[in-house]
């Protein structure tokens, strides 16, 4: 696989991860007052880092984000650990990451288009 295809695949994996993360954050917010609900999060960056450190084992475009329960936030008296402020912060970070992936992917496509438009 060419480096360009690998980069594009990695960016597409990142966009899929951010889409999943947005759904998870929305679900957390929807369950803000649900007794016993424990917040969920998405693991992607750690998986990407591991894959980049061990080339050849996993294609960067094959990395799939994972949903997990971090269990590191304080639990309220109703057994729920969702924080409105925390989720809004995660939503902002998620939005910025998503925009970054899309902009970089757009740049890669512009570079490819420019290369194809070169006339001899």
C-alpha atoms as a PDB file:
ATOM      1  CA  UNK A   1       0.000   0.000   0.000  1.00  0.00           C
ATOM      2  CA  UNK A   2       1.329   3.416  -0.890  1.00  0.00           C
ATOM      3  CA  UNK A   3       2.021   6.022   1.780  1.00  0.00           C
ATOM      4  CA  UNK A   4      -0.739   8.239   0.369  1.00  0.00           C
ATOM      5  CA  UNK A   5      -3.297   5.431   0.607  1.00  0.00           C
ATOM      6  CA  UNK A   6      -2.108   4.632   4.132  1.00  0.00           C
ATOM      7  CA  UNK A   7      -2.467   8.275   5.211  1.00  0.00           C
ATOM      8  CA  UNK A   8      -5.920   8.526   3.662  1.00  0.00           C
ATOM      9  CA  UNK A   9      -6.956   5.274   5.340  1.00  0.00           C
ATOM     10  CA  UNK A  10      -5.680   6.513   8.689  1.00  0.00           C
ATOM     11  CA  UNK A  11      -7.593   9.798   8.311  1.00  0.00           C
ATOM     12  CA  UNK A  12     -10.749   7.911   7.379  1.00  0.00           C
ATOM     13  CA  UNK A  13     -10.321   5.726  10.483  1.00  0.00           C
ATOM     14  CA  UNK A  14      -9.974   8.899  12.550  1.00  0.00           C
ATOM     15  CA  UNK A  15     -13.165  10.349  11.087  1.00  0.00           C
ATOM     16  CA  UNK A  16     -15.029   7.105  11.848  1.00  0.00           C
ATOM     17  CA  UNK A  17     -13.684   7.229  15.414  1.00  0.00           C
ATOM     18  CA  UNK A  18     -14.853  10.813  15.891  1.00  0.00           C
ATOM     19  CA  UNK A  19     -18.296   9.937  14.522  1.00  0.00           C
ATOM     20  CA  UNK A  20     -18.521   7.077  17.028  1.00  0.00           C
ATOM     21  CA  UNK A  21     -17.256   9.341  19.811  1.00  0.00           C
ATOM     22  CA  UNK A  22     -19.971  11.902  18.998  1.00  0.00           C
ATOM     23  CA  UNK A  23     -22.637   9.186  19.313  1.00  0.00           C
ATOM     24  CA  UNK A  24     -21.181   8.027  22.644  1.00  0.00           C
ATOM     25  CA  UNK A  25     -21.071  11.595  24.004  1.00  0.00           C
ATOM     26  CA  UNK A  26     -24.684  12.144  22.890  1.00  0.00           C
ATOM     27  CA  UNK A  27     -25.703   8.937  24.643  1.00  0.00           C
ATOM     28  CA  UNK A  28     -23.910  10.040  27.813  1.00  0.00           C
ATOM     29  CA  UNK A  29     -25.715  13.398  27.750  1.00  0.00           C
ATOM     30  CA  UNK A  30     -29.055  11.666  27.121  1.00  0.00           C
ATOM     31  CA  UNK A  31     -28.446   9.577  30.250  1.00  0.00           C
ATOM     32  CA  UNK A  32     -27.274  12.473  32.408  1.00  0.00           C
ATOM     33  CA  UNK A  33     -29.927  11.791  35.067  1.00  0.00           C
ATOM     34  CA  UNK A  34     -30.425   8.043  34.555  1.00  0.00           C
ATOM     35  CA  UNK A  35     -29.821   6.278  37.884  1.00  0.00           C
ATOM     36  CA  UNK A  36     -26.937   3.819  37.720  1.00  0.00           C
ATOM     37  CA  UNK A  37     -25.783   4.874  34.255  1.00  0.00           C
ATOM     38  CA  UNK A  38     -22.011   4.899  33.845  1.00  0.00           C
ATOM     39  CA  UNK A  39     -20.510   7.085  31.152  1.00  0.00           C
ATOM     40  CA  UNK A  40     -18.810   5.570  28.146  1.00  0.00           C
ATOM     41  CA  UNK A  41     -15.834   6.784  26.150  1.00  0.00           C
ATOM     42  CA  UNK A  42     -14.055   5.901  22.914  1.00  0.00           C
ATOM     43  CA  UNK A  43     -10.520   4.592  22.637  1.00  0.00           C
ATOM     44  CA  UNK A  44      -8.827   5.387  19.330  1.00  0.00           C
ATOM     45  CA  UNK A  45      -5.677   7.445  19.762  1.00  0.00           C
ATOM     46  CA  UNK A  46      -4.048   4.751  21.930  1.00  0.00           C
ATOM     47  CA  UNK A  47      -4.846   2.083  19.329  1.00  0.00           C
ATOM     48  CA  UNK A  48      -3.469   4.275  16.555  1.00  0.00           C
ATOM     49  CA  UNK A  49      -0.284   4.923  18.516  1.00  0.00           C
ATOM     50  CA  UNK A  50       0.271   1.192  19.126  1.00  0.00           C
ATOM     51  CA  UNK A  51      -0.328   0.411  15.456  1.00  0.00           C
ATOM     52  CA  UNK A  52       2.152   3.091  14.385  1.00  0.00           C
ATOM     53  CA  UNK A  53       4.789   1.709  16.755  1.00  0.00           C
ATOM     54  CA  UNK A  54       4.464  -1.821  15.361  1.00  0.00           C
ATOM     55  CA  UNK A  55       4.330  -1.429  11.578  1.00  0.00           C
ATOM     56  CA  UNK A  56       3.277  -4.334   9.432  1.00  0.00           C
ATOM     57  CA  UNK A  57       1.004  -6.029  11.946  1.00  0.00           C
ATOM     58  CA  UNK A  58      -2.063  -3.837  11.439  1.00  0.00           C
ATOM     59  CA  UNK A  59      -2.838  -1.517   8.584  1.00  0.00           C
ATOM     60  CA  UNK A  60      -3.458   1.982   9.891  1.00  0.00           C
ATOM     61  CA  UNK A  61      -6.641   2.086   7.836  1.00  0.00           C
ATOM     62  CA  UNK A  62      -7.938  -1.019   9.639  1.00  0.00           C
ATOM     63  CA  UNK A  63      -7.906   0.502  13.122  1.00  0.00           C
ATOM     64  CA  UNK A  64     -11.370   0.568  14.657  1.00  0.00           C
ATOM     65  CA  UNK A  65     -12.266   2.671  17.670  1.00  0.00           C
ATOM     66  CA  UNK A  66     -13.510   0.887  20.781  1.00  0.00           C
ATOM     67  CA  UNK A  67     -16.223   1.918  23.230  1.00  0.00           C
ATOM     68  CA  UNK A  68     -15.375   1.337  26.896  1.00  0.00           C
ATOM     69  CA  UNK A  69     -16.332   2.471  30.398  1.00  0.00           C
ATOM     70  CA  UNK A  70     -13.507   4.514  31.933  1.00  0.00           C
ATOM     71  CA  UNK A  71     -14.870   4.297  35.530  1.00  0.00           C
ATOM     72  CA  UNK A  72     -12.627   7.180  36.574  1.00  0.00           C
ATOM     73  CA  UNK A  73     -15.170   9.940  37.196  1.00  0.00           C
ATOM     74  CA  UNK A  74     -16.849  10.445  40.576  1.00  0.00           C
ATOM     75  CA  UNK A  75     -20.171   8.685  41.019  1.00  0.00           C
ATOM     76  CA  UNK A  76     -23.143  10.738  42.234  1.00  0.00           C
ATOM     77  CA  UNK A  77     -25.582   9.479  44.886  1.00  0.00           C
ATOM     78  CA  UNK A  78     -27.830   7.943  42.183  1.00  0.00           C
ATOM     79  CA  UNK A  79     -24.936   5.834  40.837  1.00  0.00           C
ATOM     80  CA  UNK A  80     -24.520   7.978  37.719  1.00  0.00           C
ATOM     81  CA  UNK A  81     -21.107   9.403  36.823  1.00  0.00           C
ATOM     82  CA  UNK A  82     -21.969  11.636  33.831  1.00  0.00           C
ATOM     83  CA  UNK A  83     -20.871  15.262  34.168  1.00  0.00           C
ATOM     84  CA  UNK A  84     -22.538  17.830  31.915  1.00  0.00           C
ATOM     85  CA  UNK A  85     -19.413  20.001  31.892  1.00  0.00           C
ATOM     86  CA  UNK A  86     -17.179  17.033  31.142  1.00  0.00           C
ATOM     87  CA  UNK A  87     -19.309  15.891  28.228  1.00  0.00           C
ATOM     88  CA  UNK A  88     -19.496  19.395  26.744  1.00  0.00           C
ATOM     89  CA  UNK A  89     -15.698  19.594  26.964  1.00  0.00           C
ATOM     90  CA  UNK A  90     -15.386  16.222  25.234  1.00  0.00           C
ATOM     91  CA  UNK A  91     -17.822  17.372  22.554  1.00  0.00           C
ATOM     92  CA  UNK A  92     -15.718  20.472  21.829  1.00  0.00           C
ATOM     93  CA  UNK A  93     -12.494  18.436  21.618  1.00  0.00           C
ATOM     94  CA  UNK A  94     -14.226  15.873  19.425  1.00  0.00           C
ATOM     95  CA  UNK A  95     -15.486  18.557  17.062  1.00  0.00           C
ATOM     96  CA  UNK A  96     -11.996  20.035  16.711  1.00  0.00           C
ATOM     97  CA  UNK A  97     -10.421  16.627  16.026  1.00  0.00           C
ATOM     98  CA  UNK A  98     -13.097  15.834  13.455  1.00  0.00           C
ATOM     99  CA  UNK A  99     -12.528  19.150  11.658  1.00  0.00           C
ATOM    100  CA  UNK A 100      -8.779  18.550  11.662  1.00  0.00           C
ATOM    101  CA  UNK A 101      -9.139  15.071  10.122  1.00  0.00           C
ATOM    102  CA  UNK A 102     -11.509  16.374   7.440  1.00  0.00           C
ATOM    103  CA  UNK A 103      -9.261  19.323   6.580  1.00  0.00           C
ATOM    104  CA  UNK A 104      -6.163  17.149   6.300  1.00  0.00           C
ATOM    105  CA  UNK A 105      -8.048  14.615   4.178  1.00  0.00           C
ATOM    106  CA  UNK A 106      -9.262  17.442   1.940  1.00  0.00           C
ATOM    107  CA  UNK A 107      -5.660  18.673   1.553  1.00  0.00           C
ATOM    108  CA  UNK A 108      -4.514  15.174   0.530  1.00  0.00           C
ATOM    109  CA  UNK A 109      -7.232  15.038  -2.126  1.00  0.00           C
ATOM    110  CA  UNK A 110      -6.254  18.527  -3.359  1.00  0.00           C
ATOM    111  CA  UNK A 111      -2.634  17.375  -3.657  1.00  0.00           C
ATOM    112  CA  UNK A 112      -3.711  14.332  -5.642  1.00  0.00           C
ATOM    113  CA  UNK A 113      -5.891  16.485  -7.889  1.00  0.00           C
ATOM    114  CA  UNK A 114      -3.039  18.936  -8.445  1.00  0.00           C
ATOM    115  CA  UNK A 115      -0.723  16.081  -9.390  1.00  0.00           C
ATOM    116  CA  UNK A 116      -3.242  14.772 -11.928  1.00  0.00           C
ATOM    117  CA  UNK A 117      -3.785  18.249 -13.416  1.00  0.00           C
ATOM    118  CA  UNK A 118      -0.095  18.743 -14.296  1.00  0.00           C
ATOM    119  CA  UNK A 119       0.208  18.903 -18.064  1.00  0.00           C
ATOM    120  CA  UNK A 120       3.384  18.225 -19.919  1.00  0.00           C
END
